[in-house]
């Protein structure tokens, strides 16, 4: 029974980037992370606006997986992150400080 639950969680954690809707989402489109691309001078940033996981899917780590996908995308495309979403700023980043190097600050100089 535990193997089935793990398999279901792993399947639901498949995240795709939907550039048309400007969001990362689960394949069933029920859980998602919305973003906006912005320019801050010469720096391009990915502003994470909102993370949503329906109550029926909470507790499975989907919000975490959505964030990982967004941060990996930003890193791969030389983008910095503005964590406007409170889940990202108040929960994800404190639990995952290794991603802090991608956070946009006014003092940052593009080095990517």
Protein backbone atom coordinates (compact mmCIF):
# COMPACT_ATOMS: atom_id res chain seq x y z
CA UNK A 1 0.00 0.00 0.00
CA UNK A 2 2.83 2.44 0.78
CA UNK A 3 4.40 1.79 -2.64
CA UNK A 4 1.14 2.80 -4.32
CA UNK A 5 0.98 6.06 -2.38
CA UNK A 6 4.59 6.83 -3.25
CA UNK A 7 3.98 6.09 -6.92
CA UNK A 8 0.90 8.34 -6.96
CA UNK A 9 2.84 11.15 -5.33
CA UNK A 10 5.72 10.83 -7.77
CA UNK A 11 3.31 10.79 -10.72
CA UNK A 12 1.53 13.90 -9.48
CA UNK A 13 4.86 15.65 -8.98
CA UNK A 14 5.50 15.72 -12.74
CA UNK A 15 5.68 19.44 -13.44
CA UNK A 16 5.41 21.09 -16.84
CA UNK A 17 6.09 24.68 -17.85
CA UNK A 18 3.07 26.29 -19.53
CA UNK A 19 4.61 29.44 -21.00
CA UNK A 20 1.30 30.53 -22.56
CA UNK A 21 -0.35 30.78 -19.14
CA UNK A 22 2.93 31.82 -17.47
CA UNK A 23 2.88 29.04 -14.93
CA UNK A 24 4.41 25.78 -13.88
CA UNK A 25 1.74 23.16 -13.33
CA UNK A 26 1.10 19.52 -12.62
CA UNK A 27 0.11 17.50 -15.66
CA UNK A 28 -3.52 17.54 -14.50
CA UNK A 29 -3.27 21.37 -14.24
CA UNK A 30 -4.77 21.35 -10.74
CA UNK A 31 -1.68 22.56 -8.86
CA UNK A 32 0.33 25.45 -10.25
CA UNK A 33 2.81 28.25 -9.67
CA UNK A 34 2.08 31.51 -11.52
CA UNK A 35 4.85 33.85 -12.59
CA UNK A 36 5.54 36.99 -14.60
CA UNK A 37 8.74 37.72 -16.51
CA UNK A 38 10.07 41.20 -15.79
CA UNK A 39 13.07 43.34 -16.64
CA UNK A 40 14.89 45.15 -13.86
CA UNK A 41 17.34 47.25 -15.82
CA UNK A 42 19.67 44.80 -17.52
CA UNK A 43 18.54 41.96 -15.27
CA UNK A 44 15.74 39.59 -16.31
CA UNK A 45 13.70 38.23 -13.44
CA UNK A 46 11.03 35.64 -12.87
CA UNK A 47 8.52 37.10 -10.41
CA UNK A 48 6.74 34.22 -8.67
CA UNK A 49 3.27 35.55 -7.92
CA UNK A 50 1.23 32.67 -6.54
CA UNK A 51 1.47 28.98 -5.71
CA UNK A 52 -1.71 26.93 -5.51
CA UNK A 53 -2.32 23.31 -4.53
CA UNK A 54 -5.94 22.13 -4.11
CA UNK A 55 -6.83 20.86 -0.63
CA UNK A 56 -7.27 17.33 -1.99
CA UNK A 57 -3.59 17.26 -3.00
CA UNK A 58 -1.95 19.07 -0.09
CA UNK A 59 0.67 17.37 2.05
CA UNK A 60 2.30 15.64 -0.93
CA UNK A 61 5.08 18.14 -1.55
CA UNK A 62 3.59 19.55 -4.75
CA UNK A 63 4.23 23.19 -3.85
CA UNK A 64 7.87 22.28 -3.19
CA UNK A 65 8.13 20.51 -6.57
CA UNK A 66 6.54 23.49 -8.33
CA UNK A 67 9.13 25.79 -6.75
CA UNK A 68 12.03 23.50 -7.64
CA UNK A 69 10.87 23.50 -11.26
CA UNK A 70 10.59 27.30 -11.32
CA UNK A 71 13.99 27.80 -9.68
CA UNK A 72 15.67 25.28 -12.01
CA UNK A 73 14.08 27.06 -14.98
CA UNK A 74 15.35 30.42 -13.72
CA UNK A 75 18.86 29.04 -13.22
CA UNK A 76 18.91 27.42 -16.68
CA UNK A 77 17.77 30.66 -18.34
CA UNK A 78 19.97 33.06 -16.33
CA UNK A 79 17.00 34.63 -14.55
CA UNK A 80 16.80 35.88 -11.01
CA UNK A 81 13.74 35.35 -8.80
CA UNK A 82 11.44 37.81 -7.09
CA UNK A 83 9.57 35.78 -4.46
CA UNK A 84 6.30 37.76 -4.36
CA UNK A 85 4.39 34.60 -3.37
CA UNK A 86 4.35 34.19 0.40
CA UNK A 87 4.76 30.42 0.15
CA UNK A 88 8.05 30.97 -1.66
CA UNK A 89 9.33 33.75 0.61
CA UNK A 90 8.06 32.42 3.95
CA UNK A 91 8.23 28.63 3.55
CA UNK A 92 10.21 27.40 0.55
CA UNK A 93 13.25 29.67 0.82
CA UNK A 94 13.76 29.31 4.59
CA UNK A 95 13.63 25.52 4.14
CA UNK A 96 15.85 25.61 1.04
CA UNK A 97 18.44 28.39 1.56
CA UNK A 98 20.68 27.00 -1.20
CA UNK A 99 18.38 28.79 -3.68
CA UNK A 100 18.96 32.23 -2.12
CA UNK A 101 21.67 32.99 -4.68
CA UNK A 102 18.92 33.34 -7.33
CA UNK A 103 16.95 35.95 -5.38
CA UNK A 104 16.84 39.39 -6.99
CA UNK A 105 17.92 42.36 -4.91
CA UNK A 106 18.35 45.92 -6.10
CA UNK A 107 22.08 45.66 -5.45
CA UNK A 108 22.56 42.58 -7.61
CA UNK A 109 24.78 42.80 -10.65
CA UNK A 110 24.17 40.34 -13.49
CA UNK A 111 26.91 37.75 -13.38
CA UNK A 112 25.27 34.95 -15.30
